[in-house]
C-alpha atoms as a PDB file:
ATOM      1  CA  MET A   1      58.216  57.160  17.915  1.00  0.00           C
ATOM      2  CA  ASP A   2      58.528  54.112  15.757  1.00  0.00           C
ATOM      3  CA  GLN A   3      57.112  51.424  18.107  1.00  0.00           C
ATOM      4  CA  ASP A   4      58.339  48.504  15.855  1.00  0.00           C
ATOM      5  CA  ARG A   5      61.972  49.567  16.756  1.00  0.00           C
ATOM      6  CA  VAL A   6      61.399  49.725  20.762  1.00  0.00           C
ATOM      7  CA  PRO A   7      61.758  46.416  22.470  1.00  0.00           C
ATOM      8  CA  LEU A   8      58.622  45.319  24.245  1.00  0.00           C
ATOM      9  CA  GLU A   9      60.089  45.713  27.802  1.00  0.00           C
ATOM     10  CA  LEU A  10      61.085  49.284  27.034  1.00  0.00           C
ATOM     11  CA  ALA A  11      57.744  50.092  25.488  1.00  0.00           C
ATOM     12  CA  ARG A  12      55.972  49.055  28.578  1.00  0.00           C
ATOM     13  CA  LEU A  13      58.436  50.755  30.950  1.00  0.00           C
ATOM     14  CA  TRP A  14      57.989  54.084  28.903  1.00  0.00           C
ATOM     15  CA  ARG A  15      54.104  53.443  28.665  1.00  0.00           C
ATOM     16  CA  ILE A  16      53.964  53.551  24.885  1.00  0.00           C
ATOM     17  CA  PRO A  17      50.720  52.110  23.729  1.00  0.00           C
ATOM     18  CA  LEU A  18      50.917  48.884  22.189  1.00  0.00           C
ATOM     19  CA  GLU A  19      47.342  48.448  21.190  1.00  0.00           C
ATOM     20  CA  SER A  20      44.572  50.453  19.415  1.00  0.00           C
ATOM     21  CA  LYS A  21      42.686  52.681  21.710  1.00  0.00           C
ATOM     22  CA  LEU A  22      39.530  51.729  19.777  1.00  0.00           C
ATOM     23  CA  GLY A  23      36.837  49.879  21.452  1.00  0.00           C
ATOM     24  CA  ARG A  24      36.233  49.374  25.420  1.00  0.00           C
ATOM     25  CA  PRO A  25      39.067  50.239  27.624  1.00  0.00           C
ATOM     26  CA  ALA A  26      40.930  47.209  29.006  1.00  0.00           C
ATOM     27  CA  ARG A  27      40.414  46.441  32.434  1.00  0.00           C
ATOM     28  CA  LEU A  28      44.263  45.903  32.979  1.00  0.00           C
ATOM     29  CA  ASP A  29      47.087  47.998  31.840  1.00  0.00           C
ATOM     30  CA  VAL A  30      50.804  48.167  32.767  1.00  0.00           C
ATOM     31  CA  GLY A  31      50.345  51.073  35.243  1.00  0.00           C
ATOM     32  CA  THR A  32      47.575  49.262  37.113  1.00  0.00           C
ATOM     33  CA  VAL A  33      49.609  46.084  37.549  1.00  0.00           C
ATOM     34  CA  VAL A  34      52.601  48.098  38.608  1.00  0.00           C
ATOM     35  CA  ASP A  35      50.722  50.170  41.074  1.00  0.00           C
ATOM     36  CA  ALA A  36      49.280  47.044  42.674  1.00  0.00           C
ATOM     37  CA  ALA A  37      52.680  45.461  42.966  1.00  0.00           C
ATOM     38  CA  VAL A  38      54.265  48.678  44.448  1.00  0.00           C
ATOM     39  CA  ALA A  39      51.398  48.777  46.983  1.00  0.00           C
ATOM     40  CA  LEU A  40      52.126  45.215  47.939  1.00  0.00           C
ATOM     41  CA  ALA A  41      55.769  45.835  48.514  1.00  0.00           C
ATOM     42  CA  ASP A  42      55.123  48.868  50.481  1.00  0.00           C
ATOM     43  CA  ARG A  43      52.688  47.018  52.711  1.00  0.00           C
ATOM     44  CA  GLU A  44      54.384  43.692  53.085  1.00  0.00           C
ATOM     45  CA  GLY A  45      57.805  43.803  51.568  1.00  0.00           C
ATOM     46  CA  LEU A  46      59.535  42.948  48.280  1.00  0.00           C
ATOM     47  CA  ALA A  47      58.863  39.279  48.811  1.00  0.00           C
ATOM     48  CA  ALA A  48      55.085  39.823  48.675  1.00  0.00           C
ATOM     49  CA  ALA A  49      55.220  41.510  45.352  1.00  0.00           C
ATOM     50  CA  THR A  50      54.904  38.191  43.270  1.00  0.00           C
ATOM     51  CA  LEU A  51      52.799  37.802  40.136  1.00  0.00           C
ATOM     52  CA  PRO A  52      50.210  35.563  41.823  1.00  0.00           C
ATOM     53  CA  ARG A  53      49.817  37.979  44.764  1.00  0.00           C
ATOM     54  CA  VAL A  54      49.535  40.986  42.269  1.00  0.00           C
ATOM     55  CA  ALA A  55      46.811  39.026  40.262  1.00  0.00           C
ATOM     56  CA  GLU A  56      44.903  38.214  43.382  1.00  0.00           C
ATOM     57  CA  SER A  57      44.887  41.858  44.544  1.00  0.00           C
ATOM     58  CA  LEU A  58      43.358  42.937  41.161  1.00  0.00           C
ATOM     59  CA  GLY A  59      40.938  39.917  41.190  1.00  0.00           C
ATOM     60  CA  VAL A  60      42.407  38.551  38.049  1.00  0.00           C
ATOM     61  CA  THR A  61      44.162  35.470  36.962  1.00  0.00           C
ATOM     62  CA  LYS A  62      48.000  35.291  36.823  1.00  0.00           C
ATOM     63  CA  MET A  63      48.093  34.522  33.154  1.00  0.00           C
ATOM     64  CA  SER A  64      46.080  37.697  32.533  1.00  0.00           C
ATOM     65  CA  LEU A  65      49.202  39.715  33.822  1.00  0.00           C
ATOM     66  CA  TYR A  66      51.265  38.324  30.974  1.00  0.00           C
ATOM     67  CA  ARG A  67      49.880  40.625  28.530  1.00  0.00           C
ATOM     68  CA  HIS A  68      51.202  43.692  30.343  1.00  0.00           C
ATOM     69  CA  VAL A  69      54.296  42.260  32.308  1.00  0.00           C
ATOM     70  CA  GLY A  70      56.443  39.519  30.805  1.00  0.00           C
ATOM     71  CA  SER A  71      58.247  38.256  33.669  1.00  0.00           C
ATOM     72  CA  LYS A  72      59.065  38.984  37.511  1.00  0.00           C
ATOM     73  CA  ASP A  73      62.388  40.513  36.438  1.00  0.00           C
ATOM     74  CA  GLU A  74      60.433  42.892  34.156  1.00  0.00           C
ATOM     75  CA  LEU A  75      58.058  43.593  36.946  1.00  0.00           C
ATOM     76  CA  LEU A  76      60.836  44.596  39.173  1.00  0.00           C
ATOM     77  CA  ASP A  77      62.070  46.950  36.618  1.00  0.00           C
ATOM     78  CA  LEU A  78      58.774  48.595  36.367  1.00  0.00           C
ATOM     79  CA  MET A  79      58.264  48.737  40.118  1.00  0.00           C
ATOM     80  CA  ARG A  80      61.652  50.266  40.695  1.00  0.00           C
ATOM     81  CA  ASP A  81      61.063  53.090  38.118  1.00  0.00           C
ATOM     82  CA  ALA A  82      57.511  53.671  39.289  1.00  0.00           C
ATOM     83  CA  ALA A  83      58.468  53.847  42.948  1.00  0.00           C
ATOM     84  CA  ASN A  84      61.552  56.132  42.333  1.00  0.00           C
ATOM     85  CA  GLY A  85      59.108  58.650  40.580  1.00  0.00           C
ATOM     86  CA  PRO A  86      60.010  61.910  38.945  1.00  0.00           C
ATOM     87  CA  VAL A  87      62.698  64.031  40.634  1.00  0.00           C
ATOM     88  CA  PRO A  88      61.351  66.541  43.023  1.00  0.00           C
ATOM     89  CA  ASP A  89      61.300  70.216  42.274  1.00  0.00           C
ATOM     90  CA  SER A  90      64.022  70.842  44.571  1.00  0.00           C
ATOM     91  CA  LEU A  91      66.418  69.385  42.036  1.00  0.00           C
ATOM     92  CA  ALA A  92      65.530  71.624  39.180  1.00  0.00           C
ATOM     93  CA  GLY A  93      68.127  74.057  38.046  1.00  0.00           C
ATOM     94  CA  THR A  94      71.957  74.216  38.544  1.00  0.00           C
ATOM     95  CA  GLY A  95      74.228  75.718  41.265  1.00  0.00           C
ATOM     96  CA  PRO A  96      77.326  74.890  43.271  1.00  0.00           C
ATOM     97  CA  TRP A  97      78.193  71.162  42.380  1.00  0.00           C
ATOM     98  CA  ARG A  98      78.665  70.050  46.183  1.00  0.00           C
ATOM     99  CA  GLU A  99      75.309  71.658  47.265  1.00  0.00           C
ATOM    100  CA  ARG A 100      73.371  70.013  44.337  1.00  0.00           C
ATOM    101  CA  LEU A 101      74.892  66.730  44.572  1.00  0.00           C
ATOM    102  CA  ARG A 102      74.525  66.522  48.380  1.00  0.00           C
ATOM    103  CA  LEU A 103      70.670  67.345  47.691  1.00  0.00           C
ATOM    104  CA  TRP A 104      70.372  64.811  44.978  1.00  0.00           C
ATOM    105  CA  ALA A 105      71.743  61.971  47.507  1.00  0.00           C
ATOM    106  CA  THR A 106      69.368  63.346  50.217  1.00  0.00           C
ATOM    107  CA  GLU A 107      66.393  63.228  48.124  1.00  0.00           C
ATOM    108  CA  GLN A 108      67.246  59.679  46.962  1.00  0.00           C
ATOM    109  CA  ARG A 109      67.525  58.582  50.578  1.00  0.00           C
ATOM    110  CA  GLY A 110      64.079  60.131  50.958  1.00  0.00           C
ATOM    111  CA  VAL A 111      62.604  57.812  48.276  1.00  0.00           C
ATOM    112  CA  LEU A 112      64.173  54.753  49.833  1.00  0.00           C
ATOM    113  CA  ALA A 113      62.607  55.622  53.323  1.00  0.00           C
ATOM    114  CA  LEU A 114      59.242  55.749  51.630  1.00  0.00           C
ATOM    115  CA  HIS A 115      59.829  52.520  49.835  1.00  0.00           C
ATOM    116  CA  PRO A 116      62.395  50.488  51.708  1.00  0.00           C
ATOM    117  CA  TRP A 117      62.274  47.563  49.537  1.00  0.00           C
ATOM    118  CA  LEU A 118      63.736  49.620  46.685  1.00  0.00           C
ATOM    119  CA  ALA A 119      67.195  49.383  48.251  1.00  0.00           C
ATOM    120  CA  GLN A 120      66.942  45.560  48.154  1.00  0.00           C
ATOM    121  CA  VAL A 121      66.210  45.473  44.037  1.00  0.00           C
ATOM    122  CA  GLN A 122      69.461  44.560  42.346  1.00  0.00           C
ATOM    123  CA  PRO A 123      69.980  46.703  39.364  1.00  0.00           C
ATOM    124  CA  SER A 124      69.667  44.903  36.061  1.00  0.00           C
ATOM    125  CA  GLY A 125      71.533  47.674  34.042  1.00  0.00           C
ATOM    126  CA  PRO A 126      71.955  51.321  33.711  1.00  0.00           C
ATOM    127  CA  PRO A 127      68.837  53.511  34.129  1.00  0.00           C
ATOM    128  CA  ASN A 128      66.435  53.116  31.152  1.00  0.00           C
ATOM    129  CA  GLY A 129      63.051  54.122  32.444  1.00  0.00           C
ATOM    130  CA  PRO A 130      61.723  57.507  32.329  1.00  0.00           C
ATOM    131  CA  ASN A 131      61.997  58.174  36.140  1.00  0.00           C
ATOM    132  CA  GLY A 132      65.386  56.662  36.240  1.00  0.00           C
ATOM    133  CA  ILE A 133      66.484  58.733  33.382  1.00  0.00           C
ATOM    134  CA  ASP A 134      64.985  62.035  35.101  1.00  0.00           C
ATOM    135  CA  TRP A 135      67.205  60.971  38.312  1.00  0.00           C
ATOM    136  CA  PHE A 136      70.232  60.383  36.111  1.00  0.00           C
ATOM    137  CA  ASP A 137      69.703  63.616  34.340  1.00  0.00           C
ATOM    138  CA  ALA A 138      69.403  65.509  37.546  1.00  0.00           C
ATOM    139  CA  GLY A 139      72.672  64.040  38.837  1.00  0.00           C
ATOM    140  CA  LEU A 140      74.480  65.016  35.669  1.00  0.00           C
ATOM    141  CA  ARG A 141      72.954  68.485  35.976  1.00  0.00           C
ATOM    142  CA  ALA A 142      74.315  68.795  39.682  1.00  0.00           C
ATOM    143  CA  MET A 143      77.810  68.516  38.205  1.00  0.00           C
ATOM    144  CA  ARG A 144      77.308  70.540  35.094  1.00  0.00           C
ATOM    145  CA  LEU A 145      79.422  73.408  36.375  1.00  0.00           C
ATOM    146  CA  THR A 146      82.398  71.201  37.094  1.00  0.00           C
ATOM    147  CA  SER A 147      85.266  70.314  34.728  1.00  0.00           C
ATOM    148  CA  LEU A 148      84.620  66.591  34.993  1.00  0.00           C
ATOM    149  CA  ASP A 149      84.117  64.724  31.656  1.00  0.00           C
ATOM    150  CA  TRP A 150      81.168  62.408  30.993  1.00  0.00           C
ATOM    151  CA  GLY A 151      82.884  59.275  32.191  1.00  0.00           C
ATOM    152  CA  ALA A 152      83.826  60.916  35.471  1.00  0.00           C
ATOM    153  CA  LYS A 153      80.547  62.335  35.983  1.00  0.00           C
ATOM    154  CA  VAL A 154      78.703  58.875  35.583  1.00  0.00           C
ATOM    155  CA  GLY A 155      81.396  57.355  38.004  1.00  0.00           C
ATOM    156  CA  VAL A 156      80.432  59.962  40.710  1.00  0.00           C
ATOM    157  CA  LEU A 157      76.775  59.251  40.280  1.00  0.00           C
ATOM    158  CA  MET A 158      77.477  55.385  40.552  1.00  0.00           C
ATOM    159  CA  ILE A 159      79.465  55.827  43.797  1.00  0.00           C
ATOM    160  CA  VAL A 160      77.182  58.386  45.315  1.00  0.00           C
ATOM    161  CA  GLY A 161      73.997  56.436  44.401  1.00  0.00           C
ATOM    162  CA  GLY A 162      75.590  53.182  45.621  1.00  0.00           C
ATOM    163  CA  TYR A 163      76.373  54.786  49.000  1.00  0.00           C
ATOM    164  CA  VAL A 164      72.823  56.136  49.383  1.00  0.00           C
ATOM    165  CA  THR A 165      71.505  52.573  48.596  1.00  0.00           C
ATOM    166  CA  SER A 166      74.135  50.816  51.181  1.00  0.00           C
ATOM    167  CA  ALA A 167      73.399  53.344  53.851  1.00  0.00           C
ATOM    168  CA  SER A 168      69.639  52.644  53.496  1.00  0.00           C
ATOM    169  CA  LEU A 169      70.159  48.816  53.599  1.00  0.00           C
ATOM    170  CA  LEU A 170      72.413  49.143  56.681  1.00  0.00           C
ATOM    171  CA  ALA A 171      69.714  51.338  58.285  1.00  0.00           C
ATOM    172  CA  GLN A 172      67.216  48.649  57.772  1.00  0.00           C
ATOM    173  CA  SER A 173      69.296  45.760  59.044  1.00  0.00           C
ATOM    174  CA  LEU A 174      69.989  47.751  62.221  1.00  0.00           C
ATOM    175  CA  ALA A 175      66.474  48.537  62.702  1.00  0.00           C
ATOM    176  CA  ALA A 176      65.711  44.827  62.245  1.00  0.00           C
ATOM    177  CA  GLY A 177      68.273  43.847  64.699  1.00  0.00           C
ATOM    178  CA  ARG A 178      66.711  46.092  67.310  1.00  0.00           C
ATOM    179  CA  GLU A 179      63.241  44.953  66.657  1.00  0.00           C
ATOM    180  CA  GLY A 180      61.676  43.851  69.913  1.00  0.00           C
ATOM    181  CA  THR A 181      64.316  45.500  72.021  1.00  0.00           C
ATOM    182  CA  GLY A 182      62.362  48.770  72.248  1.00  0.00           C
ATOM    183  CA  MET A 183      65.669  50.568  71.814  1.00  0.00           C
ATOM    184  CA  ASP A 184      66.503  53.195  69.160  1.00  0.00           C
ATOM    185  CA  GLN A 185      69.875  53.146  67.456  1.00  0.00           C
ATOM    186  CA  ALA A 186      71.490  55.606  70.094  1.00  0.00           C
ATOM    187  CA  ALA A 187      70.534  53.311  72.839  1.00  0.00           C
ATOM    188  CA  ALA A 188      71.579  50.276  71.042  1.00  0.00           C
ATOM    189  CA  GLU A 189      75.032  51.834  70.427  1.00  0.00           C
ATOM    190  CA  ARG A 190      75.433  52.736  74.045  1.00  0.00           C
ATOM    191  CA  GLU A 191      74.598  49.261  75.096  1.00  0.00           C
ATOM    192  CA  TYR A 192      77.087  47.805  72.509  1.00  0.00           C
ATOM    193  CA  GLY A 193      79.927  50.229  73.723  1.00  0.00           C
ATOM    194  CA  ARG A 194      79.330  49.340  77.328  1.00  0.00           C
ATOM    195  CA  ALA A 195      79.515  45.565  76.487  1.00  0.00           C
ATOM    196  CA  MET A 196      82.537  46.066  74.492  1.00  0.00           C
ATOM    197  CA  ALA A 197      84.264  48.258  77.134  1.00  0.00           C
ATOM    198  CA  ARG A 198      83.999  45.337  79.463  1.00  0.00           C
ATOM    199  CA  LEU A 199      84.898  42.526  76.980  1.00  0.00           C
ATOM    200  CA  VAL A 200      87.800  44.192  74.909  1.00  0.00           C
ATOM    201  CA  ASP A 201      91.323  43.608  76.183  1.00  0.00           C
ATOM    202  CA  PRO A 202      93.308  46.853  75.790  1.00  0.00           C
ATOM    203  CA  GLU A 203      96.560  44.832  75.554  1.00  0.00           C
ATOM    204  CA  ARG A 204      95.227  42.755  72.599  1.00  0.00           C
ATOM    205  CA  PHE A 205      93.048  45.435  70.989  1.00  0.00           C
ATOM    206  CA  PRO A 206      94.660  48.665  72.206  1.00  0.00           C
ATOM    207  CA  ASP A 207      92.908  51.060  69.734  1.00  0.00           C
ATOM    208  CA  ALA A 208      89.537  49.400  69.939  1.00  0.00           C
ATOM    209  CA  ALA A 209      89.565  49.317  73.544  1.00  0.00           C
ATOM    210  CA  ALA A 210      90.386  53.316  73.693  1.00  0.00           C
ATOM    211  CA  LEU A 211      87.573  53.656  71.459  1.00  0.00           C
ATOM    212  CA  PHE A 212      85.061  51.886  73.591  1.00  0.00           C
ATOM    213  CA  THR A 213      86.357  53.414  76.883  1.00  0.00           C
ATOM    214  CA  GLY A 214      86.583  56.873  75.374  1.00  0.00           C
ATOM    215  CA  GLY A 215      82.766  57.730  75.661  1.00  0.00           C
ATOM    216  CA  LEU A 216      82.123  58.280  71.982  1.00  0.00           C
ATOM    217  CA  LEU A 217      79.186  55.710  71.978  1.00  0.00           C
ATOM    218  CA  GLU A 218      77.723  57.056  75.262  1.00  0.00           C
ATOM    219  CA  ASP A 219      76.384  60.330  73.672  1.00  0.00           C
ATOM    220  CA  THR A 220      75.735  59.682  69.889  1.00  0.00           C
ATOM    221  CA  GLY A 221      72.384  61.601  70.191  1.00  0.00           C
ATOM    222  CA  GLU A 222      68.925  60.908  68.873  1.00  0.00           C
ATOM    223  CA  ASP A 223      70.093  61.587  65.357  1.00  0.00           C
ATOM    224  CA  THR A 224      73.005  59.283  65.120  1.00  0.00           C
ATOM    225  CA  GLY A 225      71.661  57.556  62.141  1.00  0.00           C
ATOM    226  CA  GLU A 226      71.131  60.901  60.263  1.00  0.00           C
ATOM    227  CA  ASN A 227      74.598  62.134  61.250  1.00  0.00           C
ATOM    228  CA  ASP A 228      76.426  58.947  60.155  1.00  0.00           C
ATOM    229  CA  PHE A 229      74.780  59.155  56.716  1.00  0.00           C
ATOM    230  CA  HIS A 230      75.729  62.862  56.242  1.00  0.00           C
ATOM    231  CA  HIS A 231      79.244  62.198  57.589  1.00  0.00           C
ATOM    232  CA  GLY A 232      79.824  59.391  55.085  1.00  0.00           C
ATOM    233  CA  LEU A 233      78.315  61.524  52.319  1.00  0.00           C
ATOM    234  CA  GLU A 234      80.467  64.396  53.096  1.00  0.00           C
ATOM    235  CA  LEU A 235      83.621  61.940  52.930  1.00  0.00           C
ATOM    236  CA  LEU A 236      82.376  60.894  49.388  1.00  0.00           C
ATOM    237  CA  LEU A 237      82.139  64.538  48.382  1.00  0.00           C
ATOM    238  CA  ASP A 238      85.610  65.362  49.652  1.00  0.00           C
ATOM    239  CA  GLY A 239      86.699  62.687  46.948  1.00  0.00           C
ATOM    240  CA  VAL A 240      84.826  64.199  44.225  1.00  0.00           C
ATOM    241  CA  ALA A 241      86.099  67.714  45.306  1.00  0.00           C
ATOM    242  CA  ALA A 242      89.386  66.168  44.793  1.00  0.00           C
ATOM    243  CA  ALA A 243      88.666  65.049  41.427  1.00  0.00           C
ATOM    244  CA  VAL A 244      87.040  68.258  40.405  1.00  0.00           C
ATOM    245  CA  ALA A 245      90.152  70.266  41.496  1.00  0.00           C
ATOM    246  CA  ARG A 246      92.421  67.673  39.488  1.00  0.00           C
ATOM    247  CA  HIS A 247      90.397  68.487  36.240  1.00  0.00           C
ATOM    248  CA  GLY A 248      90.162  72.157  37.017  1.00  0.00           C
END
């Protein structure tokens, strides 16, 4: 690969060597810096992964990091690609598109559960790192047997991937709201339903009142968050199925 034609940020993202390998190995490299930043974010949240904190954790000066990471934005791009990791073996191969796309979304959700801060990183553009492209390729492969054109496939991945991220952020917000209460999501929903059943006037809000007095929130079960995620995902896949049928 012609390194002179690859932007510096992409070269670092793809771990293309930028310096001669002769001589004593450098103490720092891109991978070491990014691994330290990811570890900080995993332990303390995204706000902790600053260049000064990363430098402190590595026992170096902040200025020494700039040889390997040009800015905080670049660090976030590097962290996102590293934390996403390569796709799991379960996404290899092809098969029925709905089954494969469901698994693609579920595996992504698992990554966000391991690294909750990932859902908070705003995308700076389309995937451009090796792991991001790996997930992108796996998503396209999931729809290989459909008649959708490339544009439609990319649109599906954007919508489904966006849903996974939004659902993960919602789960984090709900968990933060329950912090200190000792309640899980099912218990919080029961308490909410009972309070609303007392407060909501059926003459003013007839359908909402019917919902709250109908007992739905009394027995959501321990896996209510899991069920909510998959229910929403299946609704999205129903929409994809309609698009596939139109193109078929």
